[in-house]
């Protein structure tokens, strides 16, 4: 079997570093796994050093994607509601100035949603 390419080794060490930074590996285990990843002779040996970490990484990314999707979906529903309300209020009030409340509320909620996604 061929030796794993250098970029795979670097990716494995990056995953190990992230796990160490998040507290999922202690220092000794991190050092041992990183060393074994760098000297791995087969891709299987390299993957073995990541055991238990890839699934956590995938779960974390899936949770983050679901959170972003939830914020986006709520924003879409709120935007449609406010757009319809704005048009109805504009027609009912014959273009009164108070109808500007709807676009201003939309801007405020959009700013909060963007801030929430960026902070997450």
PDB file of N, CA and C in Angstrom:
ATOM      1  N   UNK A   1       0.839  -1.181   0.000  1.00  0.00           N
ATOM      2  CA  UNK A   1       0.000   0.000   0.000  1.00  0.00           C
ATOM      3  C   UNK A   1       0.882   1.241   0.000  1.00  0.00           C
ATOM      4  N   UNK A   2       0.484   2.283  -0.700  1.00  0.00           N
ATOM      5  CA  UNK A   2       1.283   3.500  -0.841  1.00  0.00           C
ATOM      6  C   UNK A   2       1.232   4.347   0.432  1.00  0.00           C
ATOM      7  N   UNK A   3       2.282   5.119   0.637  1.00  0.00           N
ATOM      8  CA  UNK A   3       2.326   6.031   1.783  1.00  0.00           C
ATOM      9  C   UNK A   3       1.317   7.154   1.574  1.00  0.00           C
ATOM     10  N   UNK A   4       0.717   7.633   2.650  1.00  0.00           N
ATOM     11  CA  UNK A   4      -0.237   8.741   2.494  1.00  0.00           C
ATOM     12  C   UNK A   4       0.478  10.019   2.050  1.00  0.00           C
ATOM     13  N   UNK A   5      -0.147  10.808   1.194  1.00  0.00           N
ATOM     14  CA  UNK A   5       0.475  12.049   0.749  1.00  0.00           C
ATOM     15  C   UNK A   5       0.634  13.040   1.916  1.00  0.00           C
ATOM     16  N   UNK A   6       1.521  13.983   1.732  1.00  0.00           N
ATOM     17  CA  UNK A   6       1.840  14.950   2.792  1.00  0.00           C
ATOM     18  C   UNK A   6       0.624  15.785   3.186  1.00  0.00           C
ATOM     19  N   UNK A   7      -0.213  16.158   2.225  1.00  0.00           N
ATOM     20  CA  UNK A   7      -1.378  16.991   2.570  1.00  0.00           C
ATOM     21  C   UNK A   7      -2.364  16.242   3.467  1.00  0.00           C
ATOM     22  N   UNK A   8      -2.464  14.902   3.317  1.00  0.00           N
ATOM     23  CA  UNK A   8      -3.326  14.128   4.211  1.00  0.00           C
ATOM     24  C   UNK A   8      -2.761  14.109   5.623  1.00  0.00           C
ATOM     25  N   UNK A   9      -1.450  14.015   5.730  1.00  0.00           N
ATOM     26  CA  UNK A   9      -0.817  14.043   7.049  1.00  0.00           C
ATOM     27  C   UNK A   9      -1.065  15.400   7.723  1.00  0.00           C
ATOM     28  N   UNK A  10      -0.905  16.472   6.944  1.00  0.00           N
ATOM     29  CA  UNK A  10      -1.121  17.807   7.497  1.00  0.00           C
ATOM     30  C   UNK A  10      -2.569  17.992   7.939  1.00  0.00           C
ATOM     31  N   UNK A  11      -3.503  17.486   7.154  1.00  0.00           N
ATOM     32  CA  UNK A  11      -4.921  17.570   7.508  1.00  0.00           C
ATOM     33  C   UNK A  11      -5.190  16.794   8.791  1.00  0.00           C
ATOM     34  N   UNK A  12      -4.580  15.621   8.923  1.00  0.00           N
ATOM     35  CA  UNK A  12      -4.765  14.820  10.131  1.00  0.00           C
ATOM     36  C   UNK A  12      -4.230  15.559  11.354  1.00  0.00           C
ATOM     37  N   UNK A  13      -3.071  16.170  11.221  1.00  0.00           N
ATOM     38  CA  UNK A  13      -2.497  16.912  12.346  1.00  0.00           C
ATOM     39  C   UNK A  13      -3.374  18.125  12.683  1.00  0.00           C
ATOM     40  N   UNK A  14      -3.957  18.755  11.676  1.00  0.00           N
ATOM     41  CA  UNK A  14      -4.865  19.881  11.921  1.00  0.00           C
ATOM     42  C   UNK A  14      -6.085  19.434  12.716  1.00  0.00           C
ATOM     43  N   UNK A  15      -6.650  18.284  12.355  1.00  0.00           N
ATOM     44  CA  UNK A  15      -7.797  17.744  13.097  1.00  0.00           C
ATOM     45  C   UNK A  15      -7.394  17.445  14.536  1.00  0.00           C
ATOM     46  N   UNK A  16      -6.210  16.885  14.721  1.00  0.00           N
ATOM     47  CA  UNK A  16      -5.725  16.586  16.070  1.00  0.00           C
ATOM     48  C   UNK A  16      -5.509  17.866  16.877  1.00  0.00           C
ATOM     49  N   UNK A  17      -4.978  18.899  16.246  1.00  0.00           N
ATOM     50  CA  UNK A  17      -4.771  20.181  16.930  1.00  0.00           C
ATOM     51  C   UNK A  17      -6.100  20.774  17.380  1.00  0.00           C
ATOM     52  N   UNK A  18      -7.100  20.709  16.508  1.00  0.00           N
ATOM     53  CA  UNK A  18      -8.407  21.243  16.853  1.00  0.00           C
ATOM     54  C   UNK A  18      -9.002  20.476  18.029  1.00  0.00           C
ATOM     55  N   UNK A  19      -8.869  19.153  17.998  1.00  0.00           N
ATOM     56  CA  UNK A  19      -9.391  18.331  19.094  1.00  0.00           C
ATOM     57  C   UNK A  19      -8.673  18.662  20.402  1.00  0.00           C
ATOM     58  N   UNK A  20      -7.376  18.895  20.328  1.00  0.00           N
ATOM     59  CA  UNK A  20      -6.613  19.259  21.522  1.00  0.00           C
ATOM     60  C   UNK A  20      -7.060  20.630  22.042  1.00  0.00           C
ATOM     61  N   UNK A  21      -7.246  21.580  21.139  1.00  0.00           N
ATOM     62  CA  UNK A  21      -7.670  22.921  21.534  1.00  0.00           C
ATOM     63  C   UNK A  21      -9.063  22.905  22.162  1.00  0.00           C
ATOM     64  N   UNK A  22      -9.910  21.997  21.712  1.00  0.00           N
ATOM     65  CA  UNK A  22     -11.270  21.889  22.252  1.00  0.00           C
ATOM     66  C   UNK A  22     -11.318  21.046  23.519  1.00  0.00           C
ATOM     67  N   UNK A  23     -10.179  20.470  23.906  1.00  0.00           N
ATOM     68  CA  UNK A  23     -10.134  19.674  25.128  1.00  0.00           C
ATOM     69  C   UNK A  23     -10.570  18.228  24.965  1.00  0.00           C
ATOM     70  N   UNK A  24     -10.698  17.770  23.734  1.00  0.00           N
ATOM     71  CA  UNK A  24     -11.098  16.376  23.506  1.00  0.00           C
ATOM     72  C   UNK A  24      -9.910  15.428  23.577  1.00  0.00           C
ATOM     73  N   UNK A  25      -8.689  15.955  23.548  1.00  0.00           N
ATOM     74  CA  UNK A  25      -7.466  15.164  23.709  1.00  0.00           C
ATOM     75  C   UNK A  25      -6.599  15.839  24.758  1.00  0.00           C
ATOM     76  N   UNK A  26      -5.952  15.033  25.599  1.00  0.00           N
ATOM     77  CA  UNK A  26      -4.977  15.649  26.509  1.00  0.00           C
ATOM     78  C   UNK A  26      -3.650  15.807  25.763  1.00  0.00           C
ATOM     79  N   UNK A  27      -2.698  16.485  26.391  1.00  0.00           N
ATOM     80  CA  UNK A  27      -1.455  16.823  25.711  1.00  0.00           C
ATOM     81  C   UNK A  27      -0.668  15.579  25.286  1.00  0.00           C
ATOM     82  N   UNK A  28      -0.551  14.605  26.169  1.00  0.00           N
ATOM     83  CA  UNK A  28       0.213  13.394  25.842  1.00  0.00           C
ATOM     84  C   UNK A  28      -0.415  12.628  24.682  1.00  0.00           C
ATOM     85  N   UNK A  29      -1.747  12.503  24.712  1.00  0.00           N
ATOM     86  CA  UNK A  29      -2.420  11.779  23.626  1.00  0.00           C
ATOM     87  C   UNK A  29      -2.280  12.534  22.303  1.00  0.00           C
ATOM     88  N   UNK A  30      -2.384  13.863  22.368  1.00  0.00           N
ATOM     89  CA  UNK A  30      -2.207  14.661  21.163  1.00  0.00           C
ATOM     90  C   UNK A  30      -0.810  14.453  20.572  1.00  0.00           C
ATOM     91  N   UNK A  31       0.206  14.551  21.403  1.00  0.00           N
ATOM     92  CA  UNK A  31       1.576  14.376  20.903  1.00  0.00           C
ATOM     93  C   UNK A  31       1.783  12.994  20.297  1.00  0.00           C
ATOM     94  N   UNK A  32       1.284  11.966  20.978  1.00  0.00           N
ATOM     95  CA  UNK A  32       1.459  10.599  20.481  1.00  0.00           C
ATOM     96  C   UNK A  32       0.743  10.404  19.148  1.00  0.00           C
ATOM     97  N   UNK A  33      -0.491  10.857  19.067  1.00  0.00           N
ATOM     98  CA  UNK A  33      -1.248  10.691  17.817  1.00  0.00           C
ATOM     99  C   UNK A  33      -0.637  11.501  16.675  1.00  0.00           C
ATOM    100  N   UNK A  34      -0.203  12.721  16.978  1.00  0.00           N
ATOM    101  CA  UNK A  34       0.399  13.557  15.933  1.00  0.00           C
ATOM    102  C   UNK A  34       1.682  12.911  15.414  1.00  0.00           C
ATOM    103  N   UNK A  35       2.493  12.388  16.311  1.00  0.00           N
ATOM    104  CA  UNK A  35       3.730  11.722  15.885  1.00  0.00           C
ATOM    105  C   UNK A  35       3.422  10.506  15.014  1.00  0.00           C
ATOM    106  N   UNK A  36       2.465   9.692  15.469  1.00  0.00           N
ATOM    107  CA  UNK A  36       2.112   8.500  14.683  1.00  0.00           C
ATOM    108  C   UNK A  36       1.493   8.872  13.340  1.00  0.00           C
ATOM    109  N   UNK A  37       0.757   9.998  13.290  1.00  0.00           N
ATOM    110  CA  UNK A  37       0.180  10.447  12.018  1.00  0.00           C
ATOM    111  C   UNK A  37       1.280  10.882  11.050  1.00  0.00           C
ATOM    112  N   UNK A  38       2.304  11.523  11.565  1.00  0.00           N
ATOM    113  CA  UNK A  38       3.378  12.004  10.700  1.00  0.00           C
ATOM    114  C   UNK A  38       4.265  10.873  10.172  1.00  0.00           C
ATOM    115  N   UNK A  39       4.337   9.758  10.906  1.00  0.00           N
ATOM    116  CA  UNK A  39       5.186   8.649  10.465  1.00  0.00           C
ATOM    117  C   UNK A  39       4.366   7.476   9.919  1.00  0.00           C
ATOM    118  N   UNK A  40       3.061   7.674   9.753  1.00  0.00           N
ATOM    119  CA  UNK A  40       2.191   6.596   9.265  1.00  0.00           C
ATOM    120  C   UNK A  40       2.657   6.121   7.891  1.00  0.00           C
ATOM    121  N   UNK A  41       2.653   4.805   7.718  1.00  0.00           N
ATOM    122  CA  UNK A  41       3.111   4.237   6.451  1.00  0.00           C
ATOM    123  C   UNK A  41       1.971   3.943   5.486  1.00  0.00           C
ATOM    124  N   UNK A  42       0.749   3.898   6.014  1.00  0.00           N
ATOM    125  CA  UNK A  42      -0.398   3.627   5.144  1.00  0.00           C
ATOM    126  C   UNK A  42      -1.522   4.610   5.483  1.00  0.00           C
ATOM    127  N   UNK A  43      -2.436   4.822   4.553  1.00  0.00           N
ATOM    128  CA  UNK A  43      -3.589   5.676   4.852  1.00  0.00           C
ATOM    129  C   UNK A  43      -4.428   5.123   6.006  1.00  0.00           C
ATOM    130  N   UNK A  44      -4.469   3.806   6.142  1.00  0.00           N
ATOM    131  CA  UNK A  44      -5.231   3.200   7.236  1.00  0.00           C
ATOM    132  C   UNK A  44      -4.618   3.568   8.588  1.00  0.00           C
ATOM    133  N   UNK A  45      -3.291   3.540   8.689  1.00  0.00           N
ATOM    134  CA  UNK A  45      -2.628   3.941   9.930  1.00  0.00           C
ATOM    135  C   UNK A  45      -2.918   5.412  10.239  1.00  0.00           C
ATOM    136  N   UNK A  46      -2.940   6.225   9.200  1.00  0.00           N
ATOM    137  CA  UNK A  46      -3.225   7.645   9.376  1.00  0.00           C
ATOM    138  C   UNK A  46      -4.647   7.845   9.886  1.00  0.00           C
ATOM    139  N   UNK A  47      -5.606   7.155   9.283  1.00  0.00           N
ATOM    140  CA  UNK A  47      -6.999   7.263   9.711  1.00  0.00           C
ATOM    141  C   UNK A  47      -7.188   6.761  11.135  1.00  0.00           C
ATOM    142  N   UNK A  48      -6.406   5.769  11.518  1.00  0.00           N
ATOM    143  CA  UNK A  48      -6.525   5.208  12.861  1.00  0.00           C
ATOM    144  C   UNK A  48      -6.193   6.268  13.917  1.00  0.00           C
ATOM    145  N   UNK A  49      -5.319   7.200  13.602  1.00  0.00           N
ATOM    146  CA  UNK A  49      -4.950   8.248  14.560  1.00  0.00           C
ATOM    147  C   UNK A  49      -6.085   9.257  14.766  1.00  0.00           C
ATOM    148  N   UNK A  50      -7.035   9.260  13.852  1.00  0.00           N
ATOM    149  CA  UNK A  50      -8.171  10.183  13.949  1.00  0.00           C
ATOM    150  C   UNK A  50      -9.414   9.521  14.519  1.00  0.00           C
ATOM    151  N   UNK A  51      -9.274   8.292  14.983  1.00  0.00           N
ATOM    152  CA  UNK A  51     -10.439   7.556  15.477  1.00  0.00           C
ATOM    153  C   UNK A  51     -11.172   8.359  16.555  1.00  0.00           C
ATOM    154  N   UNK A  52     -12.470   8.424  16.424  1.00  0.00           N
ATOM    155  CA  UNK A  52     -13.307   9.124  17.383  1.00  0.00           C
ATOM    156  C   UNK A  52     -13.364  10.632  17.203  1.00  0.00           C
ATOM    157  N   UNK A  53     -12.559  11.183  16.331  1.00  0.00           N
ATOM    158  CA  UNK A  53     -12.522  12.639  16.179  1.00  0.00           C
ATOM    159  C   UNK A  53     -13.279  13.120  14.951  1.00  0.00           C
ATOM    160  N   UNK A  54     -13.244  12.350  13.876  1.00  0.00           N
ATOM    161  CA  UNK A  54     -13.911  12.762  12.637  1.00  0.00           C
ATOM    162  C   UNK A  54     -15.425  12.836  12.846  1.00  0.00           C
ATOM    163  N   UNK A  55     -15.992  11.858  13.527  1.00  0.00           N
ATOM    164  CA  UNK A  55     -17.438  11.857  13.750  1.00  0.00           C
ATOM    165  C   UNK A  55     -17.856  13.083  14.568  1.00  0.00           C
ATOM    166  N   UNK A  56     -17.057  13.454  15.565  1.00  0.00           N
ATOM    167  CA  UNK A  56     -17.355  14.649  16.347  1.00  0.00           C
ATOM    168  C   UNK A  56     -17.308  15.890  15.475  1.00  0.00           C
ATOM    169  N   UNK A  57     -16.325  15.947  14.587  1.00  0.00           N
ATOM    170  CA  UNK A  57     -16.181  17.089  13.691  1.00  0.00           C
ATOM    171  C   UNK A  57     -17.389  17.192  12.757  1.00  0.00           C
ATOM    172  N   UNK A  58     -17.828  16.074  12.221  1.00  0.00           N
ATOM    173  CA  UNK A  58     -18.985  16.053  11.323  1.00  0.00           C
ATOM    174  C   UNK A  58     -20.247  16.475  12.081  1.00  0.00           C
ATOM    175  N   UNK A  59     -20.413  15.968  13.304  1.00  0.00           N
ATOM    176  CA  UNK A  59     -21.578  16.345  14.109  1.00  0.00           C
ATOM    177  C   UNK A  59     -21.586  17.841  14.408  1.00  0.00           C
ATOM    178  N   UNK A  60     -20.426  18.399  14.741  1.00  0.00           N
ATOM    179  CA  UNK A  60     -20.333  19.822  15.040  1.00  0.00           C
ATOM    180  C   UNK A  60     -20.697  20.650  13.812  1.00  0.00           C
ATOM    181  N   UNK A  61     -20.193  20.261  12.655  1.00  0.00           N
ATOM    182  CA  UNK A  61     -20.521  20.995  11.426  1.00  0.00           C
ATOM    183  C   UNK A  61     -22.000  20.872  11.080  1.00  0.00           C
ATOM    184  N   UNK A  62     -22.585  19.704  11.308  1.00  0.00           N
ATOM    185  CA  UNK A  62     -24.010  19.515  11.029  1.00  0.00           C
ATOM    186  C   UNK A  62     -24.859  20.372  11.958  1.00  0.00           C
ATOM    187  N   UNK A  63     -24.473  20.447  13.238  1.00  0.00           N
ATOM    188  CA  UNK A  63     -25.196  21.299  14.183  1.00  0.00           C
ATOM    189  C   UNK A  63     -25.126  22.759  13.754  1.00  0.00           C
ATOM    190  N   UNK A  64     -23.953  23.195  13.337  1.00  0.00           N
ATOM    191  CA  UNK A  64     -23.766  24.576  12.899  1.00  0.00           C
ATOM    192  C   UNK A  64     -24.598  24.861  11.648  1.00  0.00           C
ATOM    193  N   UNK A  65     -24.610  23.922  10.709  1.00  0.00           N
ATOM    194  CA  UNK A  65     -25.399  24.095   9.488  1.00  0.00           C
ATOM    195  C   UNK A  65     -26.888  24.170   9.811  1.00  0.00           C
ATOM    196  N   UNK A  66     -27.347  23.344  10.747  1.00  0.00           N
ATOM    197  CA  UNK A  66     -28.756  23.367  11.137  1.00  0.00           C
ATOM    198  C   UNK A  66     -29.106  24.691  11.805  1.00  0.00           C
ATOM    199  N   UNK A  67     -28.189  25.220  12.600  1.00  0.00           N
ATOM    200  CA  UNK A  67     -28.425  26.498  13.252  1.00  0.00           C
ATOM    201  C   UNK A  67     -28.536  27.621  12.217  1.00  0.00           C
ATOM    202  N   UNK A  68     -27.634  27.643  11.265  1.00  0.00           N
ATOM    203  CA  UNK A  68     -27.667  28.662  10.221  1.00  0.00           C
ATOM    204  C   UNK A  68     -28.939  28.520   9.384  1.00  0.00           C
ATOM    205  N   UNK A  69     -29.309  27.287   9.060  1.00  0.00           N
ATOM    206  CA  UNK A  69     -30.529  27.055   8.278  1.00  0.00           C
ATOM    207  C   UNK A  69     -31.766  27.521   9.043  1.00  0.00           C
ATOM    208  N   UNK A  70     -31.797  27.286  10.353  1.00  0.00           N
ATOM    209  CA  UNK A  70     -32.924  27.730  11.170  1.00  0.00           C
ATOM    210  C   UNK A  70     -33.058  29.241  11.188  1.00  0.00           C
ATOM    211  N   UNK A  71     -31.930  29.926  11.350  1.00  0.00           N
ATOM    212  CA  UNK A  71     -31.949  31.396  11.341  1.00  0.00           C
ATOM    213  C   UNK A  71     -32.397  31.904   9.972  1.00  0.00           C
ATOM    214  N   UNK A  72     -31.890  31.284   8.908  1.00  0.00           N
ATOM    215  CA  UNK A  72     -32.266  31.709   7.555  1.00  0.00           C
ATOM    216  C   UNK A  72     -33.750  31.482   7.292  1.00  0.00           C
ATOM    217  N   UNK A  73     -34.276  30.338   7.725  1.00  0.00           N
ATOM    218  CA  UNK A  73     -35.692  30.044   7.522  1.00  0.00           C
ATOM    219  C   UNK A  73     -36.569  31.029   8.289  1.00  0.00           C
ATOM    220  N   UNK A  74     -36.213  31.309   9.532  1.00  0.00           N
ATOM    221  CA  UNK A  74     -36.984  32.280  10.319  1.00  0.00           C
ATOM    222  C   UNK A  74     -36.936  33.657   9.662  1.00  0.00           C
ATOM    223  N   UNK A  75     -35.768  34.027   9.148  1.00  0.00           N
ATOM    224  CA  UNK A  75     -35.630  35.322   8.479  1.00  0.00           C
ATOM    225  C   UNK A  75     -36.517  35.381   7.236  1.00  0.00           C
ATOM    226  N   UNK A  76     -36.557  34.311   6.450  1.00  0.00           N
ATOM    227  CA  UNK A  76     -37.384  34.288   5.237  1.00  0.00           C
ATOM    228  C   UNK A  76     -38.859  34.451   5.589  1.00  0.00           C
ATOM    229  N   UNK A  77     -39.329  33.678   6.575  1.00  0.00           N
ATOM    230  CA  UNK A  77     -40.745  33.786   6.963  1.00  0.00           C
ATOM    231  C   UNK A  77     -41.063  35.191   7.466  1.00  0.00           C
ATOM    232  N   UNK A  78     -40.197  35.725   8.298  1.00  0.00           N
ATOM    233  CA  UNK A  78     -40.426  37.069   8.834  1.00  0.00           C
ATOM    234  C   UNK A  78     -40.396  38.107   7.719  1.00  0.00           C
ATOM    235  N   UNK A  79     -39.488  37.951   6.778  1.00  0.00           N
ATOM    236  CA  UNK A  79     -39.385  38.897   5.664  1.00  0.00           C
ATOM    237  C   UNK A  79     -40.643  38.882   4.801  1.00  0.00           C
ATOM    238  N   UNK A  80     -41.149  37.710   4.505  1.00  0.00           N
ATOM    239  CA  UNK A  80     -42.377  37.599   3.703  1.00  0.00           C
ATOM    240  C   UNK A  80     -43.557  38.221   4.462  1.00  0.00           C
ATOM    241  N   UNK A  81     -43.650  37.913   5.755  1.00  0.00           N
ATOM    242  CA  UNK A  81     -44.726  38.482   6.573  1.00  0.00           C
ATOM    243  C   UNK A  81     -44.662  40.009   6.568  1.00  0.00           C
ATOM    244  N   UNK A  82     -43.476  40.560   6.781  1.00  0.00           N
ATOM    245  CA  UNK A  82     -43.343  42.014   6.809  1.00  0.00           C
ATOM    246  C   UNK A  82     -43.580  42.648   5.435  1.00  0.00           C
ATOM    247  N   UNK A  83     -43.175  41.985   4.374  1.00  0.00           N
ATOM    248  CA  UNK A  83     -43.406  42.532   3.032  1.00  0.00           C
ATOM    249  C   UNK A  83     -44.898  42.607   2.734  1.00  0.00           C
ATOM    250  N   UNK A  84     -45.625  41.545   3.057  1.00  0.00           N
ATOM    251  CA  UNK A  84     -47.081  41.543   2.841  1.00  0.00           C
ATOM    252  C   UNK A  84     -47.740  42.597   3.725  1.00  0.00           C
ATOM    253  N   UNK A  85     -47.329  42.667   4.987  1.00  0.00           N
ATOM    254  CA  UNK A  85     -47.895  43.652   5.915  1.00  0.00           C
ATOM    255  C   UNK A  85     -47.616  45.073   5.433  1.00  0.00           C
ATOM    256  N   UNK A  86     -46.429  45.290   4.915  1.00  0.00           N
ATOM    257  CA  UNK A  86     -46.063  46.614   4.413  1.00  0.00           C
ATOM    258  C   UNK A  86     -46.967  47.018   3.252  1.00  0.00           C
ATOM    259  N   UNK A  87     -47.161  46.111   2.318  1.00  0.00           N
ATOM    260  CA  UNK A  87     -48.007  46.423   1.156  1.00  0.00           C
ATOM    261  C   UNK A  87     -49.445  46.689   1.600  1.00  0.00           C
ATOM    262  N   UNK A  88     -49.968  45.852   2.501  1.00  0.00           N
ATOM    263  CA  UNK A  88     -51.346  46.051   2.988  1.00  0.00           C
ATOM    264  C   UNK A  88     -51.466  47.382   3.714  1.00  0.00           C
ATOM    265  N   UNK A  89     -50.501  47.682   4.595  1.00  0.00           N
ATOM    266  CA  UNK A  89     -50.555  48.947   5.341  1.00  0.00           C
ATOM    267  C   UNK A  89     -50.395  50.143   4.414  1.00  0.00           C
ATOM    268  N   UNK A  90     -49.564  50.000   3.406  1.00  0.00           N
ATOM    269  CA  UNK A  90     -49.355  51.088   2.449  1.00  0.00           C
ATOM    270  C   UNK A  90     -50.653  51.396   1.703  1.00  0.00           C
ATOM    271  N   UNK A  91     -51.342  50.346   1.286  1.00  0.00           N
ATOM    272  CA  UNK A  91     -52.609  50.533   0.562  1.00  0.00           C
ATOM    273  C   UNK A  91     -53.692  51.065   1.501  1.00  0.00           C
ATOM    274  N   UNK A  92     -53.792  50.468   2.699  1.00  0.00           N
ATOM    275  CA  UNK A  92     -54.859  50.861   3.629  1.00  0.00           C
ATOM    276  C   UNK A  92     -54.684  52.281   4.150  1.00  0.00           C
ATOM    277  N   UNK A  93     -53.461  52.733   4.301  1.00  0.00           N
ATOM    278  CA  UNK A  93     -53.231  54.065   4.882  1.00  0.00           C
ATOM    279  C   UNK A  93     -52.971  55.136   3.821  1.00  0.00           C
ATOM    280  N   UNK A  94     -53.066  54.758   2.564  1.00  0.00           N
ATOM    281  CA  UNK A  94     -52.802  55.678   1.461  1.00  0.00           C
ATOM    282  C   UNK A  94     -51.394  56.276   1.578  1.00  0.00           C
ATOM    283  N   UNK A  95     -50.418  55.403   1.776  1.00  0.00           N
ATOM    284  CA  UNK A  95     -48.985  55.746   1.826  1.00  0.00           C
ATOM    285  C   UNK A  95     -48.617  56.653   2.994  1.00  0.00           C
ATOM    286  N   UNK A  96     -49.162  56.348   4.160  1.00  0.00           N
ATOM    287  CA  UNK A  96     -48.834  57.112   5.365  1.00  0.00           C
ATOM    288  C   UNK A  96     -47.402  56.828   5.817  1.00  0.00           C
ATOM    289  N   UNK A  97     -46.810  57.775   6.532  1.00  0.00           N
ATOM    290  CA  UNK A  97     -45.409  57.640   6.963  1.00  0.00           C
ATOM    291  C   UNK A  97     -45.209  56.514   7.976  1.00  0.00           C
ATOM    292  N   UNK A  98     -46.241  56.172   8.752  1.00  0.00           N
ATOM    293  CA  UNK A  98     -46.074  55.129   9.775  1.00  0.00           C
ATOM    294  C   UNK A  98     -45.807  53.759   9.160  1.00  0.00           C
ATOM    295  N   UNK A  99     -46.120  53.593   7.874  1.00  0.00           N
ATOM    296  CA  UNK A  99     -45.875  52.293   7.241  1.00  0.00           C
ATOM    297  C   UNK A  99     -44.383  51.998   7.089  1.00  0.00           C
ATOM    298  N   UNK A 100     -43.538  53.010   7.285  1.00  0.00           N
ATOM    299  CA  UNK A 100     -42.089  52.774   7.244  1.00  0.00           C
ATOM    300  C   UNK A 100     -41.605  51.916   8.411  1.00  0.00           C
ATOM    301  N   UNK A 101     -42.483  51.702   9.390  1.00  0.00           N
ATOM    302  CA  UNK A 101     -42.130  50.842  10.527  1.00  0.00           C
ATOM    303  C   UNK A 101     -41.816  49.427  10.032  1.00  0.00           C
ATOM    304  N   UNK A 102     -42.516  48.954   9.031  1.00  0.00           N
ATOM    305  CA  UNK A 102     -42.309  47.584   8.543  1.00  0.00           C
ATOM    306  C   UNK A 102     -40.906  47.372   7.958  1.00  0.00           C
ATOM    307  N   UNK A 103     -40.444  48.235   7.040  1.00  0.00           N
ATOM    308  CA  UNK A 103     -39.081  48.032   6.549  1.00  0.00           C
ATOM    309  C   UNK A 103     -38.021  48.240   7.629  1.00  0.00           C
ATOM    310  N   UNK A 104     -38.276  49.152   8.563  1.00  0.00           N
ATOM    311  CA  UNK A 104     -37.316  49.363   9.647  1.00  0.00           C
ATOM    312  C   UNK A 104     -37.240  48.133  10.556  1.00  0.00           C
ATOM    313  N   UNK A 105     -38.381  47.520  10.831  1.00  0.00           N
ATOM    314  CA  UNK A 105     -38.377  46.280  11.624  1.00  0.00           C
ATOM    315  C   UNK A 105     -37.640  45.179  10.873  1.00  0.00           C
ATOM    316  N   UNK A 106     -37.841  45.112   9.570  1.00  0.00           N
ATOM    317  CA  UNK A 106     -37.138  44.107   8.765  1.00  0.00           C
ATOM    318  C   UNK A 106     -35.632  44.323   8.833  1.00  0.00           C
ATOM    319  N   UNK A 107     -35.191  45.562   8.711  1.00  0.00           N
ATOM    320  CA  UNK A 107     -33.759  45.861   8.790  1.00  0.00           C
ATOM    321  C   UNK A 107     -33.183  45.475  10.152  1.00  0.00           C
ATOM    322  N   UNK A 108     -33.931  45.747  11.217  1.00  0.00           N
ATOM    323  CA  UNK A 108     -33.450  45.415  12.562  1.00  0.00           C
ATOM    324  C   UNK A 108     -33.330  43.901  12.738  1.00  0.00           C
ATOM    325  N   UNK A 109     -34.343  43.169  12.320  1.00  0.00           N
ATOM    326  CA  UNK A 109     -34.305  41.709  12.454  1.00  0.00           C
ATOM    327  C   UNK A 109     -33.223  41.114  11.563  1.00  0.00           C
ATOM    328  N   UNK A 110     -33.050  41.638  10.372  1.00  0.00           N
ATOM    329  CA  UNK A 110     -31.994  41.150   9.476  1.00  0.00           C
ATOM    330  C   UNK A 110     -30.620  41.389  10.095  1.00  0.00           C
ATOM    331  N   UNK A 111     -30.407  42.549  10.655  1.00  0.00           N
ATOM    332  CA  UNK A 111     -29.118  42.849  11.297  1.00  0.00           C
ATOM    333  C   UNK A 111     -28.868  41.906  12.470  1.00  0.00           C
ATOM    334  N   UNK A 112     -29.901  41.633  13.262  1.00  0.00           N
ATOM    335  CA  UNK A 112     -29.749  40.700  14.387  1.00  0.00           C
ATOM    336  C   UNK A 112     -29.468  39.279  13.903  1.00  0.00           C
ATOM    337  N   UNK A 113     -30.122  38.872  12.827  1.00  0.00           N
ATOM    338  CA  UNK A 113     -29.894  37.518  12.296  1.00  0.00           C
ATOM    339  C   UNK A 113     -28.470  37.369  11.765  1.00  0.00           C
ATOM    340  N   UNK A 114     -27.999  38.370  11.041  1.00  0.00           N
ATOM    341  CA  UNK A 114     -26.630  38.317  10.516  1.00  0.00           C
ATOM    342  C   UNK A 114     -25.627  38.289  11.657  1.00  0.00           C
ATOM    343  N   UNK A 115     -25.871  39.097  12.661  1.00  0.00           N
ATOM    344  CA  UNK A 115     -24.989  39.131  13.840  1.00  0.00           C
ATOM    345  C   UNK A 115     -24.975  37.780  14.551  1.00  0.00           C
ATOM    346  N   UNK A 116     -26.137  37.164  14.671  1.00  0.00           N
ATOM    347  CA  UNK A 116     -26.239  35.865  15.337  1.00  0.00           C
ATOM    348  C   UNK A 116     -25.474  34.792  14.567  1.00  0.00           C
ATOM    349  N   UNK A 117     -25.602  34.774  13.258  1.00  0.00           N
ATOM    350  CA  UNK A 117     -24.913  33.776  12.437  1.00  0.00           C
ATOM    351  C   UNK A 117     -23.408  33.988  12.486  1.00  0.00           C
ATOM    352  N   UNK A 118     -22.969  35.223  12.414  1.00  0.00           N
ATOM    353  CA  UNK A 118     -21.525  35.497  12.449  1.00  0.00           C
ATOM    354  C   UNK A 118     -20.929  35.160  13.803  1.00  0.00           C
ATOM    355  N   UNK A 119     -21.668  35.384  14.862  1.00  0.00           N
ATOM    356  CA  UNK A 119     -21.158  35.121  16.200  1.00  0.00           C
ATOM    357  C   UNK A 119     -21.110  33.630  16.497  1.00  0.00           C
ATOM    358  N   UNK A 120     -22.091  32.875  15.955  1.00  0.00           N
ATOM    359  CA  UNK A 120     -22.231  31.449  16.220  1.00  0.00           C
ATOM    360  C   UNK A 120     -21.038  30.669  15.859  1.00  0.00           C
TER     361      UNK A 120
END
